[in-house]
Amino acid sequence: MSSTVANGTSRAGIDAAAASLMVLLTLSWGLNYVAAKVSYAGYDPVFLSVLRAVIGGFFVLLWCWWRGIRLFSRDGTLAAGALVGALFGLESSSPLLASYSFFPTSSAWRRRECCSATC
């Protein structure tokens, strides 16, 4: 099994560093679900999602600062970026909101029934 690299040379397989990196990446993906299950027992999932986004945003800002990438300069992309962000937010929340009104088994439907009756 050989693969051709960009400069025309071929390699006879995956070296140990690449294999180790793939194993570590797969392990981190698998442990993500375990960590989520353990952390949901003590914290609200929405809080953990916000915390994950804030920590990730901090590291992106740190990386951009280290690389010298200016994020807050006026380059004319603010309107397009805000539109894409709004569409992404609408796209990711619309199936959830639709499920609340169309499926009687959803938790929002049960809360509505519970609140309308004497619980």
N, C-alpha and C. Protein backbone atom coordinates (compact mmCIF):
# COMPACT_ATOMS: atom_id res chain seq x y z
N MET A 1 0.85 -1.17 0.00
CA MET A 1 0.00 0.00 0.00
C MET A 1 0.89 1.23 0.00
N SER A 2 0.85 2.00 -1.07
CA SER A 2 1.65 3.21 -1.12
C SER A 2 0.80 4.36 -1.61
N SER A 3 1.19 5.54 -1.20
CA SER A 3 0.47 6.74 -1.63
C SER A 3 1.48 7.72 -2.19
N THR A 4 1.06 8.49 -3.17
CA THR A 4 1.94 9.46 -3.79
C THR A 4 1.74 10.81 -3.10
N VAL A 5 2.84 11.42 -2.72
CA VAL A 5 2.83 12.71 -2.07
C VAL A 5 2.91 13.79 -3.15
N ALA A 6 2.67 15.04 -2.78
CA ALA A 6 2.61 16.14 -3.74
C ALA A 6 3.87 16.29 -4.57
N ASN A 7 5.03 15.99 -4.03
CA ASN A 7 6.26 16.17 -4.79
C ASN A 7 6.63 14.96 -5.64
N GLY A 8 5.78 13.95 -5.73
CA GLY A 8 6.00 12.80 -6.59
C GLY A 8 6.60 11.60 -5.89
N THR A 9 7.04 11.72 -4.67
CA THR A 9 7.59 10.57 -3.97
C THR A 9 6.44 9.74 -3.39
N SER A 10 6.72 8.51 -3.07
CA SER A 10 5.68 7.65 -2.51
C SER A 10 6.10 7.17 -1.13
N ARG A 11 5.09 6.89 -0.32
CA ARG A 11 5.33 6.37 1.03
C ARG A 11 4.73 4.98 1.11
N ALA A 12 5.29 4.16 1.95
CA ALA A 12 4.87 2.77 2.04
C ALA A 12 3.86 2.53 3.15
N GLY A 13 3.28 3.55 3.72
CA GLY A 13 2.31 3.34 4.77
C GLY A 13 2.22 4.53 5.70
N ILE A 14 1.58 4.30 6.82
CA ILE A 14 1.39 5.36 7.81
C ILE A 14 2.49 5.22 8.86
N ASP A 15 3.15 6.32 9.16
CA ASP A 15 4.19 6.27 10.17
C ASP A 15 3.57 6.27 11.57
N ALA A 16 4.39 6.07 12.57
CA ALA A 16 3.91 5.93 13.95
C ALA A 16 3.29 7.23 14.46
N ALA A 17 3.83 8.36 14.06
CA ALA A 17 3.28 9.64 14.54
C ALA A 17 1.87 9.86 13.99
N ALA A 18 1.64 9.55 12.72
CA ALA A 18 0.32 9.72 12.13
C ALA A 18 -0.68 8.74 12.75
N ALA A 19 -0.26 7.51 12.97
CA ALA A 19 -1.15 6.52 13.59
C ALA A 19 -1.49 6.92 15.01
N SER A 20 -0.51 7.42 15.76
CA SER A 20 -0.77 7.86 17.14
C SER A 20 -1.72 9.04 17.16
N LEU A 21 -1.52 9.96 16.24
CA LEU A 21 -2.40 11.13 16.17
C LEU A 21 -3.84 10.72 15.84
N MET A 22 -4.01 9.76 14.94
CA MET A 22 -5.36 9.29 14.59
C MET A 22 -6.01 8.58 15.79
N VAL A 23 -5.24 7.79 16.52
CA VAL A 23 -5.79 7.11 17.69
C VAL A 23 -6.18 8.11 18.77
N LEU A 24 -5.34 9.12 19.01
CA LEU A 24 -5.67 10.14 20.00
C LEU A 24 -6.89 10.96 19.59
N LEU A 25 -7.00 11.28 18.33
CA LEU A 25 -8.16 12.03 17.84
C LEU A 25 -9.44 11.21 18.01
N THR A 26 -9.40 9.95 17.65
CA THR A 26 -10.57 9.08 17.81
C THR A 26 -10.92 8.90 19.29
N LEU A 27 -9.91 8.79 20.13
CA LEU A 27 -10.14 8.66 21.57
C LEU A 27 -10.79 9.92 22.13
N SER A 28 -10.34 11.09 21.68
CA SER A 28 -10.94 12.33 22.19
C SER A 28 -12.39 12.46 21.72
N TRP A 29 -12.69 12.03 20.50
CA TRP A 29 -14.08 12.07 20.03
C TRP A 29 -14.95 11.12 20.85
N GLY A 30 -14.45 9.94 21.16
CA GLY A 30 -15.22 8.98 21.94
C GLY A 30 -15.41 9.42 23.38
N LEU A 31 -14.39 9.99 23.98
CA LEU A 31 -14.50 10.43 25.37
C LEU A 31 -15.38 11.66 25.52
N ASN A 32 -15.64 12.36 24.43
CA ASN A 32 -16.52 13.52 24.49
C ASN A 32 -17.91 13.12 24.96
N TYR A 33 -18.42 12.01 24.49
CA TYR A 33 -19.76 11.56 24.90
C TYR A 33 -19.78 11.13 26.36
N VAL A 34 -18.72 10.48 26.80
CA VAL A 34 -18.64 10.07 28.20
C VAL A 34 -18.58 11.29 29.10
N ALA A 35 -17.76 12.27 28.73
CA ALA A 35 -17.64 13.48 29.53
C ALA A 35 -18.97 14.24 29.57
N ALA A 36 -19.69 14.27 28.45
CA ALA A 36 -20.99 14.94 28.44
C ALA A 36 -21.98 14.23 29.36
N LYS A 37 -22.00 12.92 29.33
CA LYS A 37 -22.93 12.18 30.18
C LYS A 37 -22.62 12.39 31.66
N VAL A 38 -21.36 12.41 32.00
CA VAL A 38 -20.98 12.62 33.40
C VAL A 38 -21.29 14.04 33.84
N SER A 39 -21.01 15.01 32.98
CA SER A 39 -21.21 16.41 33.38
C SER A 39 -22.69 16.79 33.41
N TYR A 40 -23.52 16.14 32.61
CA TYR A 40 -24.95 16.47 32.62
C TYR A 40 -25.61 16.07 33.94
N ALA A 41 -24.98 15.19 34.68
CA ALA A 41 -25.55 14.78 35.97
C ALA A 41 -25.47 15.90 37.00
N GLY A 42 -24.51 16.80 36.85
CA GLY A 42 -24.33 17.85 37.85
C GLY A 42 -24.64 19.24 37.36
N TYR A 43 -24.68 19.45 36.03
CA TYR A 43 -24.87 20.79 35.48
C TYR A 43 -25.96 20.76 34.42
N ASP A 44 -26.55 21.92 34.18
CA ASP A 44 -27.55 22.07 33.14
C ASP A 44 -26.87 21.98 31.77
N PRO A 45 -27.42 21.21 30.82
CA PRO A 45 -26.79 21.09 29.50
C PRO A 45 -26.67 22.42 28.75
N VAL A 46 -27.62 23.32 28.93
CA VAL A 46 -27.53 24.62 28.26
C VAL A 46 -26.36 25.42 28.82
N PHE A 47 -26.17 25.38 30.14
CA PHE A 47 -25.03 26.07 30.75
C PHE A 47 -23.71 25.51 30.21
N LEU A 48 -23.62 24.19 30.07
CA LEU A 48 -22.39 23.59 29.57
C LEU A 48 -22.16 23.95 28.11
N SER A 49 -23.23 24.07 27.32
CA SER A 49 -23.08 24.48 25.92
C SER A 49 -22.57 25.91 25.82
N VAL A 50 -23.11 26.79 26.65
CA VAL A 50 -22.65 28.18 26.65
C VAL A 50 -21.20 28.25 27.13
N LEU A 51 -20.88 27.51 28.17
CA LEU A 51 -19.52 27.50 28.68
C LEU A 51 -18.54 26.99 27.63
N ARG A 52 -18.92 25.94 26.90
CA ARG A 52 -18.07 25.40 25.85
C ARG A 52 -17.85 26.42 24.74
N ALA A 53 -18.91 27.16 24.37
CA ALA A 53 -18.79 28.18 23.33
C ALA A 53 -17.89 29.33 23.79
N VAL A 54 -18.02 29.74 25.04
CA VAL A 54 -17.19 30.84 25.56
C VAL A 54 -15.73 30.42 25.62
N ILE A 55 -15.45 29.22 26.10
CA ILE A 55 -14.07 28.75 26.17
C ILE A 55 -13.49 28.59 24.77
N GLY A 56 -14.26 28.03 23.85
CA GLY A 56 -13.79 27.89 22.48
C GLY A 56 -13.54 29.24 21.82
N GLY A 57 -14.43 30.20 22.05
CA GLY A 57 -14.23 31.54 21.51
C GLY A 57 -12.99 32.20 22.06
N PHE A 58 -12.73 31.99 23.34
CA PHE A 58 -11.52 32.54 23.95
C PHE A 58 -10.27 31.99 23.27
N PHE A 59 -10.25 30.68 23.03
CA PHE A 59 -9.07 30.08 22.39
C PHE A 59 -8.94 30.52 20.93
N VAL A 60 -10.05 30.74 20.24
CA VAL A 60 -9.96 31.27 18.87
C VAL A 60 -9.39 32.68 18.88
N LEU A 61 -9.85 33.52 19.81
CA LEU A 61 -9.30 34.87 19.92
C LEU A 61 -7.82 34.84 20.28
N LEU A 62 -7.44 33.94 21.18
CA LEU A 62 -6.04 33.80 21.56
C LEU A 62 -5.19 33.37 20.37
N TRP A 63 -5.68 32.43 19.58
CA TRP A 63 -4.96 31.95 18.41
C TRP A 63 -4.83 33.06 17.37
N CYS A 64 -5.90 33.82 17.15
CA CYS A 64 -5.85 34.93 16.19
C CYS A 64 -4.87 36.00 16.66
N TRP A 65 -4.85 36.28 17.95
CA TRP A 65 -3.90 37.25 18.47
C TRP A 65 -2.47 36.77 18.27
N TRP A 66 -2.22 35.49 18.52
CA TRP A 66 -0.90 34.92 18.37
C TRP A 66 -0.43 34.95 16.91
N ARG A 67 -1.36 34.69 15.97
CA ARG A 67 -1.02 34.69 14.55
C ARG A 67 -1.03 36.09 13.93
N GLY A 68 -1.52 37.08 14.69
CA GLY A 68 -1.56 38.45 14.17
C GLY A 68 -2.74 38.72 13.26
N ILE A 69 -3.80 37.94 13.38
CA ILE A 69 -5.00 38.12 12.55
C ILE A 69 -5.90 39.14 13.23
N ARG A 70 -6.22 40.20 12.53
CA ARG A 70 -7.07 41.25 13.09
C ARG A 70 -8.53 40.89 12.82
N LEU A 71 -9.28 40.66 13.87
CA LEU A 71 -10.68 40.26 13.72
C LEU A 71 -11.64 41.45 13.72
N PHE A 72 -11.29 42.51 14.38
CA PHE A 72 -12.21 43.61 14.57
C PHE A 72 -11.87 44.83 13.73
N SER A 73 -11.21 44.62 12.60
CA SER A 73 -10.93 45.73 11.70
C SER A 73 -12.09 45.86 10.71
N ARG A 74 -12.29 47.06 10.22
CA ARG A 74 -13.40 47.32 9.28
C ARG A 74 -12.97 46.89 7.87
N ASP A 75 -13.51 45.77 7.43
CA ASP A 75 -13.18 45.29 6.09
C ASP A 75 -14.42 45.05 5.24
N GLY A 76 -15.59 45.45 5.73
CA GLY A 76 -16.81 45.35 4.95
C GLY A 76 -17.52 44.01 5.02
N THR A 77 -17.12 43.14 5.91
CA THR A 77 -17.75 41.82 5.99
C THR A 77 -18.69 41.68 7.18
N LEU A 78 -18.94 42.75 7.91
CA LEU A 78 -19.80 42.65 9.10
C LEU A 78 -21.23 42.29 8.73
N ALA A 79 -21.80 42.95 7.72
CA ALA A 79 -23.19 42.68 7.35
C ALA A 79 -23.36 41.25 6.83
N ALA A 80 -22.45 40.80 6.00
CA ALA A 80 -22.54 39.43 5.47
C ALA A 80 -22.36 38.41 6.59
N GLY A 81 -21.45 38.66 7.50
CA GLY A 81 -21.23 37.74 8.62
C GLY A 81 -22.43 37.70 9.55
N ALA A 82 -23.05 38.86 9.81
CA ALA A 82 -24.24 38.89 10.67
C ALA A 82 -25.40 38.15 10.01
N LEU A 83 -25.55 38.30 8.70
CA LEU A 83 -26.62 37.59 7.98
C LEU A 83 -26.40 36.08 8.03
N VAL A 84 -25.19 35.64 7.79
CA VAL A 84 -24.90 34.20 7.84
C VAL A 84 -25.11 33.67 9.26
N GLY A 85 -24.70 34.42 10.28
CA GLY A 85 -24.91 33.99 11.65
C GLY A 85 -26.38 33.90 12.00
N ALA A 86 -27.18 34.88 11.54
CA ALA A 86 -28.61 34.85 11.81
C ALA A 86 -29.28 33.67 11.10
N LEU A 87 -28.89 33.41 9.86
CA LEU A 87 -29.46 32.27 9.13
C LEU A 87 -29.06 30.94 9.78
N PHE A 88 -27.82 30.86 10.25
CA PHE A 88 -27.40 29.64 10.94
C PHE A 88 -28.18 29.44 12.23
N GLY A 89 -28.38 30.50 12.98
CA GLY A 89 -29.16 30.40 14.21
C GLY A 89 -30.60 30.01 13.94
N LEU A 90 -31.17 30.57 12.89
CA LEU A 90 -32.55 30.23 12.52
C LEU A 90 -32.64 28.79 12.06
N GLU A 91 -31.66 28.35 11.29
CA GLU A 91 -31.67 26.98 10.78
C GLU A 91 -31.50 25.97 11.90
N SER A 92 -30.67 26.27 12.87
CA SER A 92 -30.42 25.29 13.91
C SER A 92 -31.52 25.26 14.97
N SER A 93 -32.29 26.34 15.10
CA SER A 93 -33.33 26.34 16.13
C SER A 93 -34.72 26.04 15.57
N SER A 94 -34.92 26.16 14.27
CA SER A 94 -36.27 25.97 13.72
C SER A 94 -36.78 24.54 13.85
N PRO A 95 -35.98 23.48 13.65
CA PRO A 95 -36.54 22.13 13.86
C PRO A 95 -36.94 21.89 15.31
N LEU A 96 -36.20 22.46 16.25
CA LEU A 96 -36.53 22.30 17.65
C LEU A 96 -37.85 22.99 17.97
N LEU A 97 -38.01 24.21 17.48
CA LEU A 97 -39.25 24.94 17.74
C LEU A 97 -40.43 24.28 17.05
N ALA A 98 -40.23 23.75 15.86
CA ALA A 98 -41.31 23.07 15.16
C ALA A 98 -41.72 21.80 15.89
N SER A 99 -40.76 21.11 16.49
CA SER A 99 -41.10 19.87 17.19
C SER A 99 -41.96 20.15 18.42
N TYR A 100 -41.80 21.32 19.03
CA TYR A 100 -42.61 21.64 20.20
C TYR A 100 -44.09 21.78 19.84
N SER A 101 -44.38 22.28 18.65
CA SER A 101 -45.77 22.52 18.33
C SER A 101 -46.44 21.36 17.60
N PHE A 102 -45.67 20.50 16.93
CA PHE A 102 -46.29 19.46 16.12
C PHE A 102 -46.34 18.09 16.77
N PHE A 103 -45.45 17.82 17.70
CA PHE A 103 -45.41 16.49 18.28
C PHE A 103 -45.99 16.53 19.69
N PRO A 104 -47.09 15.84 19.93
CA PRO A 104 -47.71 15.88 21.26
C PRO A 104 -46.88 15.17 22.33
N THR A 105 -45.84 14.44 21.95
CA THR A 105 -45.02 13.77 22.95
C THR A 105 -43.88 14.65 23.45
N SER A 106 -43.75 15.84 22.87
CA SER A 106 -42.64 16.70 23.30
C SER A 106 -42.89 17.24 24.70
N SER A 107 -41.81 17.65 25.35
CA SER A 107 -41.93 18.11 26.73
C SER A 107 -42.71 19.42 26.80
N ALA A 108 -42.63 20.26 25.77
CA ALA A 108 -43.38 21.52 25.79
C ALA A 108 -44.88 21.24 25.74
N TRP A 109 -45.29 20.26 24.96
CA TRP A 109 -46.70 19.91 24.88
C TRP A 109 -47.19 19.40 26.23
N ARG A 110 -46.38 18.56 26.88
CA ARG A 110 -46.78 18.05 28.19
C ARG A 110 -46.86 19.17 29.21
N ARG A 111 -45.93 20.12 29.17
CA ARG A 111 -46.00 21.25 30.11
C ARG A 111 -47.24 22.09 29.85
N ARG A 112 -47.61 22.25 28.58
CA ARG A 112 -48.79 23.04 28.27
C ARG A 112 -50.03 22.34 28.80
N GLU A 113 -50.09 21.02 28.65
CA GLU A 113 -51.25 20.29 29.19
C GLU A 113 -51.27 20.35 30.70
N CYS A 114 -50.08 20.25 31.31
CA CYS A 114 -50.00 20.26 32.75
C CYS A 114 -50.41 21.64 33.30
N CYS A 115 -49.99 22.69 32.62
CA CYS A 115 -50.31 24.03 33.10
C CYS A 115 -51.77 24.40 32.88
N SER A 116 -52.38 23.81 31.83
CA SER A 116 -53.78 24.15 31.57
C SER A 116 -54.71 23.40 32.53
N ALA A 117 -54.26 22.25 32.98
CA ALA A 117 -55.08 21.49 33.95
C ALA A 117 -54.55 21.79 35.35
N THR A 118 -55.23 21.30 36.31
CA THR A 118 -54.75 21.47 37.69
C THR A 118 -53.80 20.35 38.00
N CYS A 119 -52.53 20.65 38.06
CA CYS A 119 -51.48 19.63 38.28
C CYS A 119 -51.25 19.40 39.75
